[in-house]
C-alpha atoms as a PDB file:
ATOM      1  CA  MET A   1       0.000   0.000   0.000  1.00  0.00           C
ATOM      2  CA  GLN A   2       1.303   3.460  -0.862  1.00  0.00           C
ATOM      3  CA  ILE A   3       2.343   5.622   2.094  1.00  0.00           C
ATOM      4  CA  TYR A   4      -0.227   8.316   1.295  1.00  0.00           C
ATOM      5  CA  LYS A   5      -2.947   5.756   1.847  1.00  0.00           C
ATOM      6  CA  THR A   6      -1.746   5.031   5.385  1.00  0.00           C
ATOM      7  CA  ASP A   7      -0.313   8.359   6.602  1.00  0.00           C
ATOM      8  CA  PRO A   8      -2.902  11.158   7.156  1.00  0.00           C
ATOM      9  CA  SER A   9      -0.256  13.903   7.011  1.00  0.00           C
ATOM     10  CA  CYS A  10       1.067  12.643   3.703  1.00  0.00           C
ATOM     11  CA  ARG A  11      -2.513  12.281   2.426  1.00  0.00           C
ATOM     12  CA  ARG A  12      -3.144  16.010   3.029  1.00  0.00           C
ATOM     13  CA  HIS A  13      -0.087  16.923   0.949  1.00  0.00           C
ATOM     14  CA  VAL A  14      -1.065  14.537  -1.837  1.00  0.00           C
ATOM     15  CA  LEU A  15      -4.595  15.995  -1.897  1.00  0.00           C
ATOM     16  CA  SER A  16      -3.196  19.499  -2.176  1.00  0.00           C
ATOM     17  CA  ALA A  17      -0.881  18.515  -5.044  1.00  0.00           C
ATOM     18  CA  LEU A  18      -3.696  16.736  -6.894  1.00  0.00           C
ATOM     19  CA  GLY A  19      -5.837  19.858  -6.616  1.00  0.00           C
ATOM     20  CA  GLU A  20      -3.068  21.874  -8.248  1.00  0.00           C
ATOM     21  CA  ILE A  21      -2.683  19.319 -11.043  1.00  0.00           C
ATOM     22  CA  GLY A  22      -6.424  19.178 -11.728  1.00  0.00           C
ATOM     23  CA  GLY A  23      -8.305  17.327 -14.434  1.00  0.00           C
ATOM     24  CA  ASP A  24     -10.303  14.117 -14.506  1.00  0.00           C
ATOM     25  CA  GLU A  25      -7.392  11.809 -13.622  1.00  0.00           C
ATOM     26  CA  ALA A  26      -6.572  13.902 -10.542  1.00  0.00           C
ATOM     27  CA  VAL A  27     -10.248  13.821  -9.536  1.00  0.00           C
ATOM     28  CA  LYS A  28     -10.201   9.998  -9.671  1.00  0.00           C
ATOM     29  CA  GLU A  29      -7.189   9.949  -7.355  1.00  0.00           C
ATOM     30  CA  ILE A  30      -8.753  12.503  -4.990  1.00  0.00           C
ATOM     31  CA  MET A  31     -11.855  10.348  -4.692  1.00  0.00           C
ATOM     32  CA  ALA A  32      -9.719   7.236  -4.141  1.00  0.00           C
ATOM     33  CA  LEU A  33      -8.119   9.024  -1.187  1.00  0.00           C
ATOM     34  CA  TYR A  34     -11.563  10.022   0.033  1.00  0.00           C
ATOM     35  CA  GLU A  35     -12.586   6.359   0.017  1.00  0.00           C
ATOM     36  CA  VAL A  36      -9.546   5.498   2.155  1.00  0.00           C
ATOM     37  CA  ASP A  37     -10.394   8.146   4.772  1.00  0.00           C
ATOM     38  CA  THR A  38     -13.814   9.774   4.690  1.00  0.00           C
ATOM     39  CA  SER A  39     -12.933  11.988   7.659  1.00  0.00           C
ATOM     40  CA  ASN A  40     -11.170  14.393   5.294  1.00  0.00           C
ATOM     41  CA  LYS A  41     -14.336  15.582   3.528  1.00  0.00           C
ATOM     42  CA  LYS A  42     -13.612  19.269   4.032  1.00  0.00           C
ATOM     43  CA  GLN A  43     -10.174  19.054   2.434  1.00  0.00           C
ATOM     44  CA  VAL A  44     -11.474  16.799  -0.346  1.00  0.00           C
ATOM     45  CA  LEU A  45     -14.170  19.371  -1.186  1.00  0.00           C
ATOM     46  CA  GLU A  46     -11.651  22.225  -1.178  1.00  0.00           C
ATOM     47  CA  THR A  47      -9.330  20.184  -3.389  1.00  0.00           C
ATOM     48  CA  LEU A  48     -12.113  19.230  -5.797  1.00  0.00           C
ATOM     49  CA  GLY A  49     -13.086  22.900  -6.060  1.00  0.00           C
ATOM     50  CA  ASN A  50      -9.537  23.683  -7.138  1.00  0.00           C
ATOM     51  CA  ALA A  51      -9.103  20.672  -9.423  1.00  0.00           C
ATOM     52  CA  GLY A  52     -11.838  21.311 -11.969  1.00  0.00           C
ATOM     53  CA  GLY A  53     -12.509  18.845 -14.764  1.00  0.00           C
ATOM     54  CA  ASP A  54     -15.696  17.361 -16.157  1.00  0.00           C
ATOM     55  CA  GLN A  55     -16.003  14.713 -13.467  1.00  0.00           C
ATOM     56  CA  VAL A  56     -15.570  16.987 -10.437  1.00  0.00           C
ATOM     57  CA  VAL A  57     -19.098  18.388 -10.279  1.00  0.00           C
ATOM     58  CA  GLN A  58     -20.693  14.966  -9.873  1.00  0.00           C
ATOM     59  CA  GLU A  59     -18.162  13.950  -7.215  1.00  0.00           C
ATOM     60  CA  ILE A  60     -18.950  17.102  -5.213  1.00  0.00           C
ATOM     61  CA  ILE A  61     -22.670  16.343  -5.529  1.00  0.00           C
ATOM     62  CA  LYS A  62     -22.088  12.813  -4.169  1.00  0.00           C
ATOM     63  CA  ILE A  63     -20.425  14.215  -1.058  1.00  0.00           C
ATOM     64  CA  TYR A  64     -23.119  16.891  -0.704  1.00  0.00           C
ATOM     65  CA  LYS A  65     -25.839  14.246  -0.696  1.00  0.00           C
ATOM     66  CA  THR A  66     -24.124  11.902   1.768  1.00  0.00           C
ATOM     67  CA  ASN A  67     -23.358  14.305   4.605  1.00  0.00           C
ATOM     68  CA  GLU A  68     -25.623  17.078   5.864  1.00  0.00           C
ATOM     69  CA  SER A  69     -22.820  18.891   7.684  1.00  0.00           C
ATOM     70  CA  TYR A  70     -20.782  19.436   4.494  1.00  0.00           C
ATOM     71  CA  LYS A  71     -23.425  21.130   2.364  1.00  0.00           C
ATOM     72  CA  ARG A  72     -21.825  24.541   2.850  1.00  0.00           C
ATOM     73  CA  GLN A  73     -18.390  23.339   1.731  1.00  0.00           C
ATOM     74  CA  ALA A  74     -19.903  21.455  -1.211  1.00  0.00           C
ATOM     75  CA  LEU A  75     -21.739  24.546  -2.472  1.00  0.00           C
ATOM     76  CA  THR A  76     -18.581  26.604  -2.065  1.00  0.00           C
ATOM     77  CA  ALA A  77     -16.623  23.992  -4.034  1.00  0.00           C
ATOM     78  CA  LEU A  78     -19.221  24.032  -6.823  1.00  0.00           C
ATOM     79  CA  GLY A  79     -18.892  27.808  -6.958  1.00  0.00           C
ATOM     80  CA  GLN A  80     -15.117  27.460  -7.269  1.00  0.00           C
ATOM     81  CA  VAL A  81     -15.458  24.993 -10.128  1.00  0.00           C
ATOM     82  CA  GLY A  82     -17.760  27.322 -12.045  1.00  0.00           C
ATOM     83  CA  GLY A  83     -19.126  26.728 -15.509  1.00  0.00           C
ATOM     84  CA  ALA A  84     -22.502  25.693 -16.833  1.00  0.00           C
ATOM     85  CA  GLU A  85     -22.555  22.225 -15.250  1.00  0.00           C
ATOM     86  CA  ALA A  86     -21.817  23.599 -11.763  1.00  0.00           C
ATOM     87  CA  VAL A  87     -24.452  26.323 -12.138  1.00  0.00           C
ATOM     88  CA  LYS A  88     -27.021  23.744 -13.271  1.00  0.00           C
ATOM     89  CA  GLU A  89     -26.298  21.536 -10.246  1.00  0.00           C
ATOM     90  CA  ILE A  90     -26.426  24.471  -7.811  1.00  0.00           C
ATOM     91  CA  ILE A  91     -29.874  25.361  -9.145  1.00  0.00           C
ATOM     92  CA  VAL A  92     -31.029  21.724  -8.798  1.00  0.00           C
ATOM     93  CA  LEU A  93     -29.771  21.660  -5.205  1.00  0.00           C
ATOM     94  CA  TYR A  94     -31.532  24.947  -4.494  1.00  0.00           C
ATOM     95  CA  LYS A  95     -34.835  23.557  -5.748  1.00  0.00           C
ATOM     96  CA  GLN A  96     -34.405  20.480  -3.539  1.00  0.00           C
ATOM     97  CA  ASP A  97     -33.388  22.382  -0.401  1.00  0.00           C
ATOM     98  CA  THR A  98     -34.042  26.102   0.028  1.00  0.00           C
ATOM     99  CA  SER A  99     -32.850  26.235   3.639  1.00  0.00           C
ATOM    100  CA  ASP A 100     -29.813  28.428   2.901  1.00  0.00           C
ATOM    101  CA  LYS A 101     -30.698  30.775   0.056  1.00  0.00           C
ATOM    102  CA  ARG A 102     -27.821  33.153   0.794  1.00  0.00           C
ATOM    103  CA  LEU A 103     -25.215  30.401   0.455  1.00  0.00           C
ATOM    104  CA  VAL A 104     -26.748  29.173  -2.803  1.00  0.00           C
ATOM    105  CA  LEU A 105     -26.729  32.705  -4.209  1.00  0.00           C
ATOM    106  CA  GLU A 106     -23.084  33.121  -3.201  1.00  0.00           C
ATOM    107  CA  ALA A 107     -22.203  29.827  -4.917  1.00  0.00           C
ATOM    108  CA  LEU A 108     -24.068  30.906  -8.064  1.00  0.00           C
ATOM    109  CA  ASP A 109     -22.287  34.242  -8.037  1.00  0.00           C
ATOM    110  CA  GLN A 110     -18.895  32.555  -7.637  1.00  0.00           C
ATOM    111  CA  ALA A 111     -19.668  29.973 -10.342  1.00  0.00           C
ATOM    112  CA  GLY A 112     -20.706  32.722 -12.743  1.00  0.00           C
ATOM    113  CA  ARG A 113     -17.450  34.570 -12.196  1.00  0.00           C
ATOM    114  CA  THR A 114     -15.209  31.492 -12.419  1.00  0.00           C
ATOM    115  CA  GLN A 115     -13.817  30.783 -15.858  1.00  0.00           C
ATOM    116  CA  ARG A 116     -12.666  27.215 -16.504  1.00  0.00           C
ATOM    117  CA  THR A 117     -11.234  26.014 -19.780  1.00  0.00           C
END
């Protein structure tokens, strides 16, 4: 087993590096690390927000739907990703749960301003 899968400190550094690299392959690796240690949801969401890629929006949605206490971080991450797919998903989430309108509007604003290529 690779050291980053057993050492939490190393895992944090690997997550950070994968976020900088970005893209679909990095997202796969980020989610593999998430599966090893689900206690790092906050850092995974921050890293996914930085990573971008086509796959990232759906991975953020999965985390959003599995843990009530990370909805705020998930919406923030979607805002960081930006683009049409993120905006669409933020609107879907808003229609499903209108409990925090301000946060949803902030995420929409951020997503609208974020340019991803």
